[in-house]
């Protein structure tokens, strides 16, 4: 019976979370199951901006949402541009162990006055491996367009809306 019940429960859970879309939100709490953006001010014009997704979130979405948060911060503080000067992938894998299942299967046969019984025993681990994509960007802000060339320089104005529209089209 447990061979049927556990996979059925897992399929139902997967079906419910498979439809879950990652929403842009501030991270609430710090558990393995929390997701959202977070930030830390390093100086007047430099921040660490991160986004942690749930198991159904792609790394592209996590990266986009971190950039959206960086644009929000820049707008709030009155900056015109920001550059991503560092990027760290902090993706985390959590393994949940549900113990083991031992199953014995047998076959009995009647050969006249003798009964034969053959059996096999299987033991399997019940684990679920969940991967949570996490990205942290080091962001430098500027009051005007910098003379120095940056690989990833964004205007504060319009960046949030552009990424938001990109993800609205995918729905």
Protein backbone atom coordinates (compact mmCIF):
# COMPACT_ATOMS: atom_id res chain seq x y z
CA UNK A 1 0.00 0.00 0.00
CA UNK A 2 2.80 2.45 0.89
CA UNK A 3 4.26 1.84 -2.58
CA UNK A 4 1.15 3.47 -4.01
CA UNK A 5 0.36 6.12 -1.39
CA UNK A 6 3.74 7.92 -1.24
CA UNK A 7 4.12 8.33 -5.04
CA UNK A 8 0.48 9.47 -5.23
CA UNK A 9 1.04 12.13 -2.55
CA UNK A 10 4.21 13.28 -4.33
CA UNK A 11 2.39 13.54 -7.66
CA UNK A 12 -0.39 15.61 -6.09
CA UNK A 13 2.17 17.92 -4.44
CA UNK A 14 4.07 18.28 -7.71
CA UNK A 15 0.85 19.04 -9.55
CA UNK A 16 -0.05 21.77 -7.08
CA UNK A 17 3.40 23.40 -7.15
CA UNK A 18 3.84 22.88 -10.89
CA UNK A 19 1.26 25.55 -11.51
CA UNK A 20 2.80 27.90 -8.98
CA UNK A 21 4.34 30.87 -10.66
CA UNK A 22 7.11 32.87 -9.08
CA UNK A 23 5.82 36.25 -8.03
CA UNK A 24 8.01 39.29 -7.51
CA UNK A 25 7.94 39.92 -3.79
CA UNK A 26 10.07 40.73 -0.77
CA UNK A 27 11.42 37.66 1.02
CA UNK A 28 9.46 36.87 4.17
CA UNK A 29 11.29 34.77 6.74
CA UNK A 30 14.47 32.87 6.17
CA UNK A 31 13.43 29.23 5.80
CA UNK A 32 14.47 26.96 2.95
CA UNK A 33 10.98 27.45 1.52
CA UNK A 34 10.96 31.28 1.56
CA UNK A 35 11.47 33.12 -1.69
CA UNK A 36 11.70 36.72 -2.83
CA UNK A 37 14.14 39.63 -3.05
CA UNK A 38 16.49 40.92 -0.38
CA UNK A 39 19.14 43.62 -0.34
CA UNK A 40 21.97 44.98 1.79
CA UNK A 41 23.49 48.44 1.56
CA UNK A 42 27.29 48.39 1.34
CA UNK A 43 27.82 52.16 0.88
CA UNK A 44 25.86 55.21 -0.32
CA UNK A 45 25.92 53.96 -3.92
CA UNK A 46 26.62 50.23 -3.67
CA UNK A 47 24.27 47.38 -2.72
CA UNK A 48 24.05 43.61 -2.69
CA UNK A 49 20.73 42.72 -4.31
CA UNK A 50 19.53 39.12 -4.29
CA UNK A 51 16.59 37.02 -5.28
CA UNK A 52 15.78 33.48 -4.14
CA UNK A 53 13.30 31.47 -6.17
CA UNK A 54 11.31 28.37 -5.31
CA UNK A 55 11.85 24.95 -6.88
CA UNK A 56 9.86 25.80 -10.01
CA UNK A 57 11.69 29.09 -10.67
CA UNK A 58 14.23 29.35 -13.48
CA UNK A 59 17.58 31.06 -13.01
CA UNK A 60 16.58 33.60 -15.71
CA UNK A 61 13.59 34.73 -13.64
CA UNK A 62 15.71 34.97 -10.49
CA UNK A 63 18.25 37.12 -12.35
CA UNK A 64 15.53 39.34 -13.85
CA UNK A 65 13.85 39.86 -10.47
CA UNK A 66 17.16 40.83 -8.85
CA UNK A 67 17.65 43.43 -11.61
CA UNK A 68 14.08 44.68 -11.06
CA UNK A 69 14.86 45.15 -7.36
CA UNK A 70 18.09 46.98 -8.23
CA UNK A 71 16.08 49.35 -10.45
CA UNK A 72 13.58 49.96 -7.61
CA UNK A 73 16.38 50.86 -5.20
CA UNK A 74 17.95 53.19 -7.75
CA UNK A 75 14.62 54.93 -8.34
CA UNK A 76 13.95 55.32 -4.61
CA UNK A 77 17.41 56.84 -4.04
CA UNK A 78 17.24 59.13 -7.09
CA UNK A 79 19.98 57.53 -9.22
CA UNK A 80 19.87 57.53 -13.03
CA UNK A 81 21.94 54.39 -13.83
CA UNK A 82 23.20 51.23 -12.21
CA UNK A 83 25.82 48.67 -13.18
CA UNK A 84 26.07 45.06 -12.12
CA UNK A 85 29.71 44.87 -11.02
CA UNK A 86 29.52 41.40 -9.47
CA UNK A 87 27.30 38.35 -9.69
CA UNK A 88 27.26 35.27 -7.46
CA UNK A 89 25.18 32.13 -7.99
CA UNK A 90 24.18 30.84 -4.54
CA UNK A 91 21.77 28.15 -5.74
CA UNK A 92 20.92 25.76 -2.91
CA UNK A 93 19.86 22.12 -3.01
CA UNK A 94 17.91 20.68 -0.09
CA UNK A 95 17.50 16.92 0.30
CA UNK A 96 14.57 15.79 2.41
CA UNK A 97 14.86 12.20 3.61
CA UNK A 98 11.63 10.32 4.22
CA UNK A 99 13.37 7.12 5.35
CA UNK A 100 13.29 3.84 3.47
CA UNK A 101 10.61 1.53 2.15
CA UNK A 102 11.07 -2.22 2.20
CA UNK A 103 8.85 -4.28 -0.06
CA UNK A 104 8.70 -8.03 -0.28
CA UNK A 105 7.10 -9.69 -3.28
CA UNK A 106 6.46 -13.38 -3.44
CA UNK A 107 5.04 -16.06 -5.61
CA UNK A 108 3.54 -19.28 -4.34
CA UNK A 109 2.99 -22.29 -6.56
CA UNK A 110 1.23 -25.56 -5.86
CA UNK A 111 2.94 -28.68 -7.23
CA UNK A 112 0.70 -31.46 -6.09
CA UNK A 113 1.63 -32.27 -2.54
CA UNK A 114 4.31 -29.49 -2.34
CA UNK A 115 3.97 -25.74 -2.13
CA UNK A 116 6.87 -23.64 -3.34
CA UNK A 117 7.36 -20.00 -2.39
CA UNK A 118 9.88 -17.62 -3.91
CA UNK A 119 10.28 -14.07 -2.74
CA UNK A 120 12.36 -10.98 -3.34
CA UNK A 121 12.87 -8.05 -0.98
CA UNK A 122 13.56 -4.52 -2.21
CA UNK A 123 14.65 -1.59 -0.08
CA UNK A 124 14.57 1.93 -1.50
CA UNK A 125 15.39 5.38 -0.13
CA UNK A 126 12.61 7.93 -0.12
CA UNK A 127 14.27 11.28 -0.74
CA UNK A 128 13.22 14.45 -2.46
CA UNK A 129 15.87 16.79 -3.83
CA UNK A 130 14.73 20.39 -4.22
CA UNK A 131 16.85 23.06 -5.90
CA UNK A 132 16.30 26.73 -5.07
CA UNK A 133 17.95 29.16 -7.51
CA UNK A 134 19.54 32.13 -5.75
CA UNK A 135 21.42 35.00 -7.36
CA UNK A 136 23.23 37.88 -5.69
CA UNK A 137 24.27 40.96 -7.63
CA UNK A 138 26.69 43.61 -6.49
CA UNK A 139 25.24 46.84 -7.85
CA UNK A 140 26.88 50.26 -8.24
CA UNK A 141 24.60 53.30 -8.72
CA UNK A 142 25.33 56.53 -10.62
CA UNK A 143 23.72 60.00 -10.71
CA UNK A 144 24.59 60.31 -14.43
CA UNK A 145 25.83 57.96 -17.13
CA UNK A 146 29.37 56.92 -16.20
CA UNK A 147 32.27 57.47 -18.60
CA UNK A 148 33.71 54.07 -17.75
CA UNK A 149 32.27 51.20 -19.81
CA UNK A 150 30.42 48.53 -17.86
CA UNK A 151 29.41 45.17 -19.23
CA UNK A 152 25.93 45.50 -17.74
CA UNK A 153 24.83 49.12 -17.36
CA UNK A 154 21.09 49.80 -16.96
CA UNK A 155 19.06 53.00 -16.89
CA UNK A 156 17.06 53.15 -13.66
CA UNK A 157 14.05 54.55 -15.50
CA UNK A 158 12.18 51.90 -17.49
CA UNK A 159 14.22 48.83 -16.49
CA UNK A 160 11.68 47.59 -13.93
CA UNK A 161 8.77 48.06 -16.35
CA UNK A 162 10.62 46.40 -19.24
CA UNK A 163 11.36 43.24 -17.23
CA UNK A 164 7.87 43.22 -15.72
CA UNK A 165 6.34 43.37 -19.21
CA UNK A 166 8.63 40.56 -20.40
CA UNK A 167 7.29 38.24 -17.69
CA UNK A 168 3.68 39.34 -18.14
CA UNK A 169 3.87 38.19 -21.79
CA UNK A 170 4.89 34.67 -20.71
CA UNK A 171 1.76 34.16 -18.60
